[in-house]
Amino acid sequence: MDDSLDPKTTTIAETDNYLAWKAEEADGETTYHLELNNVTLHFFKEEWQEFIDLVDMVLDEEL
């Protein structure tokens, strides 16, 4: 099997129950993934940025 087609993955952050990671796909696309217990959310780069903006707004509101 051709390993050059396998995505290069990097862990962004991890806790006991949650994991955020990204994958550099063979086609040059970067995808982001959130594993939340038994649910995994997948984002393209633009979607990830919008999600991060949303989280920032929530955090600003909570402070």
Protein backbone atom coordinates (compact mmCIF):
# COMPACT_ATOMS: atom_id res chain seq x y z
CA MET A 1 0.00 0.00 0.00
CA ASP A 2 1.20 3.51 -0.82
CA ASP A 3 1.97 5.35 2.46
CA SER A 4 2.17 8.69 0.61
CA LEU A 5 -1.65 8.72 0.49
CA ASP A 6 -1.98 8.38 4.27
CA PRO A 7 -2.79 11.68 5.99
CA LYS A 8 -0.25 13.17 8.39
CA THR A 9 -2.07 13.62 11.69
CA THR A 10 -1.22 15.95 14.57
CA THR A 11 -2.84 16.11 17.99
CA ILE A 12 -3.94 19.68 18.80
CA ALA A 13 -5.17 19.06 22.36
CA GLU A 14 -6.22 16.10 24.49
CA THR A 15 -7.92 15.45 27.83
CA ASP A 16 -9.08 12.21 29.43
CA ASN A 17 -12.33 12.28 27.44
CA TYR A 18 -11.77 14.59 24.47
CA LEU A 19 -9.35 14.85 21.57
CA ALA A 20 -8.80 17.52 18.92
CA TRP A 21 -6.57 16.62 15.98
CA LYS A 22 -5.88 17.66 12.42
CA ALA A 23 -4.98 15.74 9.29
CA GLU A 24 -2.95 16.94 6.34
CA GLU A 25 -4.62 15.02 3.52
CA ALA A 26 -2.79 13.75 0.42
CA ASP A 27 -4.73 16.24 -1.75
CA GLY A 28 -3.40 19.17 0.31
CA GLU A 29 -6.63 19.75 2.26
CA THR A 30 -6.39 20.14 6.03
CA THR A 31 -9.22 18.62 8.04
CA TYR A 32 -9.90 19.04 11.75
CA HIS A 33 -11.53 16.52 14.06
CA LEU A 34 -13.05 16.65 17.53
CA GLU A 35 -13.58 13.37 19.36
CA LEU A 36 -16.06 13.89 22.19
CA ASN A 37 -16.56 10.53 23.90
CA ASN A 38 -18.38 8.45 21.26
CA VAL A 39 -19.05 11.35 18.84
CA THR A 40 -16.56 12.64 16.28
CA LEU A 41 -17.06 15.95 14.48
CA HIS A 42 -15.19 16.57 11.21
CA PHE A 43 -14.43 20.06 9.87
CA PHE A 44 -12.83 21.50 6.78
CA LYS A 45 -10.47 24.42 7.45
CA GLU A 46 -13.09 27.15 6.94
CA GLU A 47 -15.60 25.32 9.13
CA TRP A 48 -12.98 24.83 11.84
CA GLN A 49 -12.19 28.54 11.89
CA GLU A 50 -15.88 29.38 12.23
CA PHE A 51 -16.19 26.86 15.10
CA ILE A 52 -13.15 28.40 16.86
CA ASP A 53 -14.72 31.87 16.43
CA LEU A 54 -17.92 30.53 18.02
CA VAL A 55 -16.02 29.05 20.96
CA ASP A 56 -14.19 32.36 21.43
CA MET A 57 -17.53 34.19 21.56
CA VAL A 58 -18.86 31.73 24.14
CA LEU A 59 -15.74 32.13 26.27
CA ASP A 60 -15.93 35.93 26.04
CA GLU A 61 -19.54 35.80 27.21
CA GLU A 62 -18.68 33.51 30.14
CA LEU A 63 -15.88 35.76 31.44
